[in-house]
Amino acid sequence: MKNSAFIALGSNIEDRYTYLKKAVLELDSFDEIKVVSTSSIYETDPVGYEDQDKFLNMVIKVNTSLGPFELLDTCLDIEQKLGRKREIKWGPRTIDLDILLYNNENIETENLTVPHPRMKERAFVMIPLMEIRNSTLPVMKKPFDPLLETIANKEGVRIWKQKNGEDVFALFEN
């Protein structure tokens, strides 16, 4: 699988943890996608539309033979399968899957922008991303650490379930 991508996951409806787990396992069930790393899970305050429950967020790294648009379609299909409804912008959701990075590519289309256009403003994305990719952003050529210092609301991101060791699925064991 020649491509690597980082995907942000978020949930704040019902059993948030179960939705994260189902989404990760669903992605890994495809022959064309292999989940190779997961961040810890963070509980985060809502951003944008604030009149809703707290989120659980994490970031995963996948290796894939899919192109970026095929990967996006797969993510959207998984969201729909897990009951995602798009009723309020930035509103409550069973699961949200956002492609943050795809290889070191810069993609700007109506349906997909990579790197994700708002990721560098969101502590709930950057903190788990830094946990599994301590490097630079393709379009910025800046290390993550100084970038994180400029992000607001870091206090709204709290560790919820610490990743144990290197096993990809260690977070989801009983």
C-alpha atoms as a PDB file:
ATOM      1  CA  MET A   1       0.000   0.000   0.000  1.00  0.00           C
ATOM      2  CA  LYS A   2       1.819   2.999  -1.321  1.00  0.00           C
ATOM      3  CA  ASN A   3      -0.155   5.837   0.285  1.00  0.00           C
ATOM      4  CA  SER A   4      -0.399   7.000   3.878  1.00  0.00           C
ATOM      5  CA  ALA A   5      -3.087   9.216   5.329  1.00  0.00           C
ATOM      6  CA  PHE A   6      -3.993  10.675   8.707  1.00  0.00           C
ATOM      7  CA  ILE A   7      -7.689  10.713   9.584  1.00  0.00           C
ATOM      8  CA  ALA A   8      -9.331  12.585  12.481  1.00  0.00           C
ATOM      9  CA  LEU A   9     -12.268  10.904  14.200  1.00  0.00           C
ATOM     10  CA  GLY A  10     -14.823  12.553  16.469  1.00  0.00           C
ATOM     11  CA  SER A  11     -18.065  11.540  18.172  1.00  0.00           C
ATOM     12  CA  ASN A  12     -20.391  13.159  20.701  1.00  0.00           C
ATOM     13  CA  ILE A  13     -23.665  11.214  20.452  1.00  0.00           C
ATOM     14  CA  GLU A  14     -24.659   8.211  22.565  1.00  0.00           C
ATOM     15  CA  ASP A  15     -21.767   5.813  23.162  1.00  0.00           C
ATOM     16  CA  ARG A  16     -18.991   7.968  21.733  1.00  0.00           C
ATOM     17  CA  TYR A  17     -16.296   5.359  22.391  1.00  0.00           C
ATOM     18  CA  THR A  18     -18.231   2.643  20.545  1.00  0.00           C
ATOM     19  CA  TYR A  19     -18.606   4.874  17.486  1.00  0.00           C
ATOM     20  CA  LEU A  20     -14.848   5.561  17.426  1.00  0.00           C
ATOM     21  CA  LYS A  21     -14.116   1.853  17.789  1.00  0.00           C
ATOM     22  CA  LYS A  22     -16.586   0.862  15.058  1.00  0.00           C
ATOM     23  CA  ALA A  23     -15.178   3.448  12.644  1.00  0.00           C
ATOM     24  CA  VAL A  24     -11.565   2.327  13.175  1.00  0.00           C
ATOM     25  CA  LEU A  25     -12.487  -1.345  12.797  1.00  0.00           C
ATOM     26  CA  GLU A  26     -14.615  -0.568   9.732  1.00  0.00           C
ATOM     27  CA  LEU A  27     -11.731   1.280   8.037  1.00  0.00           C
ATOM     28  CA  ASP A  28      -9.359  -1.580   8.855  1.00  0.00           C
ATOM     29  CA  SER A  29     -11.802  -4.145   7.418  1.00  0.00           C
ATOM     30  CA  PHE A  30     -11.170  -2.939   3.854  1.00  0.00           C
ATOM     31  CA  ASP A  31      -8.457  -4.811   1.942  1.00  0.00           C
ATOM     32  CA  GLU A  32      -7.263  -1.466   0.558  1.00  0.00           C
ATOM     33  CA  ILE A  33      -6.845   0.162   3.995  1.00  0.00           C
ATOM     34  CA  LYS A  34      -4.654  -0.846   6.917  1.00  0.00           C
ATOM     35  CA  VAL A  35      -4.795   1.088  10.205  1.00  0.00           C
ATOM     36  CA  VAL A  36      -1.160   1.334  11.320  1.00  0.00           C
ATOM     37  CA  SER A  37      -1.282   3.762  14.265  1.00  0.00           C
ATOM     38  CA  THR A  38      -3.804   5.337  16.618  1.00  0.00           C
ATOM     39  CA  SER A  39      -3.522   8.240  19.010  1.00  0.00           C
ATOM     40  CA  SER A  40      -4.885   8.253  22.513  1.00  0.00           C
ATOM     41  CA  ILE A  41      -8.526   9.307  22.825  1.00  0.00           C
ATOM     42  CA  TYR A  42      -9.192  12.852  24.024  1.00  0.00           C
ATOM     43  CA  GLU A  43     -12.360  14.336  25.464  1.00  0.00           C
ATOM     44  CA  THR A  44     -12.870  17.789  24.025  1.00  0.00           C
ATOM     45  CA  ASP A  45     -15.165  20.747  24.377  1.00  0.00           C
ATOM     46  CA  PRO A  46     -17.283  21.499  21.294  1.00  0.00           C
ATOM     47  CA  VAL A  47     -15.973  24.163  18.910  1.00  0.00           C
ATOM     48  CA  GLY A  48     -18.146  26.321  16.652  1.00  0.00           C
ATOM     49  CA  TYR A  49     -21.602  25.189  17.709  1.00  0.00           C
ATOM     50  CA  GLU A  50     -21.150  24.925  21.492  1.00  0.00           C
ATOM     51  CA  ASP A  51     -24.641  23.888  22.666  1.00  0.00           C
ATOM     52  CA  GLN A  52     -23.890  20.160  22.526  1.00  0.00           C
ATOM     53  CA  ASP A  53     -22.176  17.380  24.479  1.00  0.00           C
ATOM     54  CA  LYS A  54     -18.405  16.950  24.717  1.00  0.00           C
ATOM     55  CA  PHE A  55     -16.629  15.012  21.982  1.00  0.00           C
ATOM     56  CA  LEU A  56     -14.245  12.103  22.000  1.00  0.00           C
ATOM     57  CA  ASN A  57     -11.535  12.717  19.396  1.00  0.00           C
ATOM     58  CA  MET A  58      -8.567  10.804  18.077  1.00  0.00           C
ATOM     59  CA  VAL A  59      -6.351  10.572  14.993  1.00  0.00           C
ATOM     60  CA  ILE A  60      -5.320   7.450  13.122  1.00  0.00           C
ATOM     61  CA  LYS A  61      -2.728   6.754  10.469  1.00  0.00           C
ATOM     62  CA  VAL A  62      -3.650   4.425   7.631  1.00  0.00           C
ATOM     63  CA  ASN A  63      -1.742   2.933   4.750  1.00  0.00           C
ATOM     64  CA  THR A  64      -3.925   2.570   1.677  1.00  0.00           C
ATOM     65  CA  SER A  65      -3.925   1.678  -1.982  1.00  0.00           C
ATOM     66  CA  LEU A  66      -6.903   4.033  -2.440  1.00  0.00           C
ATOM     67  CA  GLY A  67      -6.535   7.446  -3.989  1.00  0.00           C
ATOM     68  CA  PRO A  68      -7.555  10.456  -1.893  1.00  0.00           C
ATOM     69  CA  PHE A  69     -11.053  10.742  -3.388  1.00  0.00           C
ATOM     70  CA  GLU A  70     -11.716   7.007  -2.997  1.00  0.00           C
ATOM     71  CA  LEU A  71     -10.594   7.273   0.630  1.00  0.00           C
ATOM     72  CA  LEU A  72     -12.927  10.249   1.132  1.00  0.00           C
ATOM     73  CA  ASP A  73     -15.840   8.270  -0.341  1.00  0.00           C
ATOM     74  CA  THR A  74     -15.030   5.362   1.984  1.00  0.00           C
ATOM     75  CA  CYS A  75     -14.983   7.702   5.010  1.00  0.00           C
ATOM     76  CA  LEU A  76     -18.320   9.241   3.997  1.00  0.00           C
ATOM     77  CA  ASP A  77     -19.836   5.770   3.514  1.00  0.00           C
ATOM     78  CA  ILE A  78     -18.688   4.735   7.011  1.00  0.00           C
ATOM     79  CA  GLU A  79     -20.150   7.936   8.501  1.00  0.00           C
ATOM     80  CA  GLN A  80     -23.484   7.156   6.850  1.00  0.00           C
ATOM     81  CA  LYS A  81     -23.380   3.498   7.910  1.00  0.00           C
ATOM     82  CA  LEU A  82     -22.829   4.620  11.524  1.00  0.00           C
ATOM     83  CA  GLY A  83     -25.804   6.998  11.417  1.00  0.00           C
ATOM     84  CA  ARG A  84     -24.169  10.381  10.758  1.00  0.00           C
ATOM     85  CA  LYS A  85     -26.744  13.131  10.193  1.00  0.00           C
ATOM     86  CA  ARG A  86     -25.699  16.557   8.875  1.00  0.00           C
ATOM     87  CA  GLU A  87     -28.381  18.801  10.356  1.00  0.00           C
ATOM     88  CA  ILE A  88     -26.391  21.563  12.104  1.00  0.00           C
ATOM     89  CA  LYS A  89     -23.007  22.845  10.925  1.00  0.00           C
ATOM     90  CA  TRP A  90     -20.422  21.590  13.462  1.00  0.00           C
ATOM     91  CA  GLY A  91     -23.326  19.999  15.326  1.00  0.00           C
ATOM     92  CA  PRO A  92     -23.720  16.684  17.147  1.00  0.00           C
ATOM     93  CA  ARG A  93     -22.644  13.567  15.298  1.00  0.00           C
ATOM     94  CA  THR A  94     -22.332   9.842  15.793  1.00  0.00           C
ATOM     95  CA  ILE A  95     -19.031   9.900  13.916  1.00  0.00           C
ATOM     96  CA  ASP A  96     -16.988  12.348  11.892  1.00  0.00           C
ATOM     97  CA  LEU A  97     -14.083  11.212   9.722  1.00  0.00           C
ATOM     98  CA  ASP A  98     -11.848  13.923   8.242  1.00  0.00           C
ATOM     99  CA  ILE A  99      -8.802  13.291   6.074  1.00  0.00           C
ATOM    100  CA  LEU A 100      -6.118  15.537   7.540  1.00  0.00           C
ATOM    101  CA  LEU A 101      -3.096  14.551   5.464  1.00  0.00           C
ATOM    102  CA  TYR A 102      -2.631  12.326   2.418  1.00  0.00           C
ATOM    103  CA  ASN A 103       1.001  11.520   1.685  1.00  0.00           C
ATOM    104  CA  ASN A 104       2.676  14.931   1.422  1.00  0.00           C
ATOM    105  CA  GLU A 105       0.146  16.127  -1.112  1.00  0.00           C
ATOM    106  CA  ASN A 106      -1.673  19.418  -1.342  1.00  0.00           C
ATOM    107  CA  ILE A 107      -5.173  18.933  -2.737  1.00  0.00           C
ATOM    108  CA  GLU A 108      -7.728  21.704  -3.239  1.00  0.00           C
ATOM    109  CA  THR A 109     -11.053  20.736  -4.755  1.00  0.00           C
ATOM    110  CA  GLU A 110     -14.667  21.468  -3.912  1.00  0.00           C
ATOM    111  CA  ASN A 111     -15.007  18.141  -2.067  1.00  0.00           C
ATOM    112  CA  LEU A 112     -11.562  17.661  -0.529  1.00  0.00           C
ATOM    113  CA  THR A 113      -8.841  19.951   0.792  1.00  0.00           C
ATOM    114  CA  VAL A 114      -5.628  18.396   2.111  1.00  0.00           C
ATOM    115  CA  PRO A 115      -4.037  19.311   4.430  1.00  0.00           C
ATOM    116  CA  HIS A 116      -7.363  19.846   6.166  1.00  0.00           C
ATOM    117  CA  PRO A 117      -7.975  23.620   6.032  1.00  0.00           C
ATOM    118  CA  ARG A 118      -8.836  24.127   9.719  1.00  0.00           C
ATOM    119  CA  MET A 119      -6.640  21.493  11.374  1.00  0.00           C
ATOM    120  CA  LYS A 120      -3.903  23.932  12.412  1.00  0.00           C
ATOM    121  CA  GLU A 121      -6.518  25.977  14.331  1.00  0.00           C
ATOM    122  CA  ARG A 122      -7.912  23.014  16.272  1.00  0.00           C
ATOM    123  CA  ALA A 123      -6.180  21.669  19.343  1.00  0.00           C
ATOM    124  CA  PHE A 124      -8.513  18.641  19.324  1.00  0.00           C
ATOM    125  CA  VAL A 125      -6.923  17.666  15.994  1.00  0.00           C
ATOM    126  CA  MET A 126      -3.330  18.810  16.448  1.00  0.00           C
ATOM    127  CA  ILE A 127      -2.720  17.249  19.881  1.00  0.00           C
ATOM    128  CA  PRO A 128      -3.620  13.674  18.823  1.00  0.00           C
ATOM    129  CA  LEU A 129      -1.950  14.195  15.426  1.00  0.00           C
ATOM    130  CA  MET A 130       1.279  15.256  17.129  1.00  0.00           C
ATOM    131  CA  GLU A 131       1.110  12.116  19.225  1.00  0.00           C
ATOM    132  CA  ILE A 132       1.461   9.887  16.156  1.00  0.00           C
ATOM    133  CA  ARG A 133       3.181  12.207  13.648  1.00  0.00           C
ATOM    134  CA  ASN A 134       5.887  14.325  15.178  1.00  0.00           C
ATOM    135  CA  SER A 135       6.978  16.067  12.003  1.00  0.00           C
ATOM    136  CA  THR A 136       5.978  18.990   9.798  1.00  0.00           C
ATOM    137  CA  LEU A 137       2.896  19.911   7.823  1.00  0.00           C
ATOM    138  CA  PRO A 138       3.411  19.614   4.053  1.00  0.00           C
ATOM    139  CA  VAL A 139       2.308  23.154   3.132  1.00  0.00           C
ATOM    140  CA  MET A 140       3.719  24.905   6.173  1.00  0.00           C
ATOM    141  CA  LYS A 141       7.180  23.393   6.595  1.00  0.00           C
ATOM    142  CA  LYS A 142       6.899  24.201  10.300  1.00  0.00           C
ATOM    143  CA  PRO A 143       7.315  21.764  13.165  1.00  0.00           C
ATOM    144  CA  PHE A 144       4.117  20.940  15.059  1.00  0.00           C
ATOM    145  CA  ASP A 145       5.328  21.975  18.525  1.00  0.00           C
ATOM    146  CA  PRO A 146       5.612  25.760  17.891  1.00  0.00           C
ATOM    147  CA  LEU A 147       2.397  25.623  15.880  1.00  0.00           C
ATOM    148  CA  LEU A 148       0.533  24.077  18.815  1.00  0.00           C
ATOM    149  CA  GLU A 149       1.546  27.011  21.031  1.00  0.00           C
ATOM    150  CA  THR A 150      -0.468  29.353  18.786  1.00  0.00           C
ATOM    151  CA  ILE A 151      -3.693  27.300  18.937  1.00  0.00           C
ATOM    152  CA  ALA A 152      -6.473  28.504  21.224  1.00  0.00           C
ATOM    153  CA  ASN A 153      -8.520  26.296  23.574  1.00  0.00           C
ATOM    154  CA  LYS A 154      -5.839  23.699  24.329  1.00  0.00           C
ATOM    155  CA  GLU A 155      -7.341  23.491  27.822  1.00  0.00           C
ATOM    156  CA  GLY A 156     -10.512  22.131  26.200  1.00  0.00           C
ATOM    157  CA  VAL A 157      -8.622  18.971  25.172  1.00  0.00           C
ATOM    158  CA  ARG A 158      -8.170  16.371  27.917  1.00  0.00           C
ATOM    159  CA  ILE A 159      -6.803  12.832  27.746  1.00  0.00           C
ATOM    160  CA  TRP A 160      -9.714  10.378  28.055  1.00  0.00           C
ATOM    161  CA  LYS A 161      -8.100   7.016  27.298  1.00  0.00           C
ATOM    162  CA  GLN A 162      -4.322   6.723  27.045  1.00  0.00           C
ATOM    163  CA  LYS A 163      -2.879   4.601  24.287  1.00  0.00           C
ATOM    164  CA  ASN A 164      -1.054   1.564  25.680  1.00  0.00           C
ATOM    165  CA  GLY A 165       2.097   0.620  23.809  1.00  0.00           C
ATOM    166  CA  GLU A 166       2.430   0.284  20.059  1.00  0.00           C
ATOM    167  CA  ASP A 167      -0.471  -2.059  19.306  1.00  0.00           C
ATOM    168  CA  VAL A 168      -2.889  -0.300  16.949  1.00  0.00           C
ATOM    169  CA  PHE A 169      -5.934  -1.748  18.659  1.00  0.00           C
ATOM    170  CA  ALA A 170      -4.684  -1.468  22.251  1.00  0.00           C
ATOM    171  CA  LEU A 171      -7.231   1.316  22.872  1.00  0.00           C
ATOM    172  CA  PHE A 172     -10.101  -0.997  22.075  1.00  0.00           C
ATOM    173  CA  GLU A 173      -9.194  -3.985  24.209  1.00  0.00           C
ATOM    174  CA  ASN A 174     -11.253  -4.637  27.336  1.00  0.00           C
END
